[in-house]
Protein backbone atom coordinates (compact mmCIF):
# COMPACT_ATOMS: atom_id res chain seq x y z
CA UNK A 1 0.01 0.02 0.00
CA UNK A 2 1.15 3.52 -0.73
CA UNK A 3 1.80 6.03 2.03
CA UNK A 4 -0.23 9.18 2.28
CA UNK A 5 1.86 12.11 1.12
CA UNK A 6 1.88 15.05 3.54
CA UNK A 7 3.38 17.32 0.88
CA UNK A 8 1.28 19.84 -1.03
CA UNK A 9 2.04 22.18 -3.91
CA UNK A 10 1.99 25.88 -2.99
CA UNK A 11 2.34 29.12 -4.98
CA UNK A 12 4.71 31.86 -3.80
CA UNK A 13 3.99 35.43 -4.88
CA UNK A 14 6.15 38.54 -4.56
CA UNK A 15 5.04 40.99 -1.87
CA UNK A 16 7.09 44.06 -2.86
CA UNK A 17 5.94 44.21 -6.51
CA UNK A 18 2.27 44.27 -5.57
CA UNK A 19 2.88 47.28 -3.28
CA UNK A 20 4.70 49.10 -6.12
CA UNK A 21 2.02 48.27 -8.73
CA UNK A 22 4.46 46.28 -10.87
CA UNK A 23 3.84 42.79 -12.34
CA UNK A 24 4.30 40.14 -9.63
CA UNK A 25 6.51 37.09 -10.04
CA UNK A 26 5.20 33.67 -8.93
CA UNK A 27 7.01 30.48 -8.05
CA UNK A 28 5.62 27.02 -7.18
CA UNK A 29 7.14 24.68 -4.63
CA UNK A 30 6.11 21.96 -2.26
CA UNK A 31 5.87 21.95 1.54
CA UNK A 32 5.08 19.48 4.28
CA UNK A 33 1.71 20.57 5.65
CA UNK A 34 2.18 18.81 9.02
CA UNK A 35 5.55 20.40 9.80
CA UNK A 36 4.76 23.81 8.29
CA UNK A 37 1.11 24.64 8.95
CA UNK A 38 1.55 28.43 8.57
CA UNK A 39 2.24 30.44 5.43
CA UNK A 40 5.66 29.96 3.90
CA UNK A 41 7.97 32.92 3.14
CA UNK A 42 11.10 32.63 1.00
CA UNK A 43 13.48 35.13 -0.61
CA UNK A 44 13.35 34.52 -4.37
CA UNK A 45 14.47 36.53 -7.41
CA UNK A 46 11.97 38.85 -9.04
CA UNK A 47 12.95 39.52 -12.66
CA UNK A 48 10.60 42.49 -12.94
CA UNK A 49 12.33 44.33 -10.12
CA UNK A 50 15.71 42.74 -10.85
CA UNK A 51 16.44 41.86 -7.24
CA UNK A 52 15.70 39.30 -4.54
CA UNK A 53 12.45 39.94 -2.65
CA UNK A 54 10.28 38.17 -0.09
CA UNK A 55 7.72 35.79 -1.70
CA UNK A 56 4.77 34.72 0.44
CA UNK A 57 2.47 31.73 0.02
CA UNK A 58 -0.91 32.51 -1.55
CA UNK A 59 -4.20 30.73 -0.94
C-alpha cells in the first residue's frame, strides 16, 4: 500500500511588486503541511524588479 503524502504544492507570490504596482513574479514549490502549517515565506528573485524579494504563500 502507498503512504499518504503530507506534501502539497503551494504558490509563492512577490510581496514588494504588488505594493509598487508592478507585475508580480510567482514560483511554485512543495511543503510538508504537518511540519509547516503556517504560510511559507522565502526570498526569491523577481525579474521585474531585478532583485531578490520576499515571496509569500498565496491561498
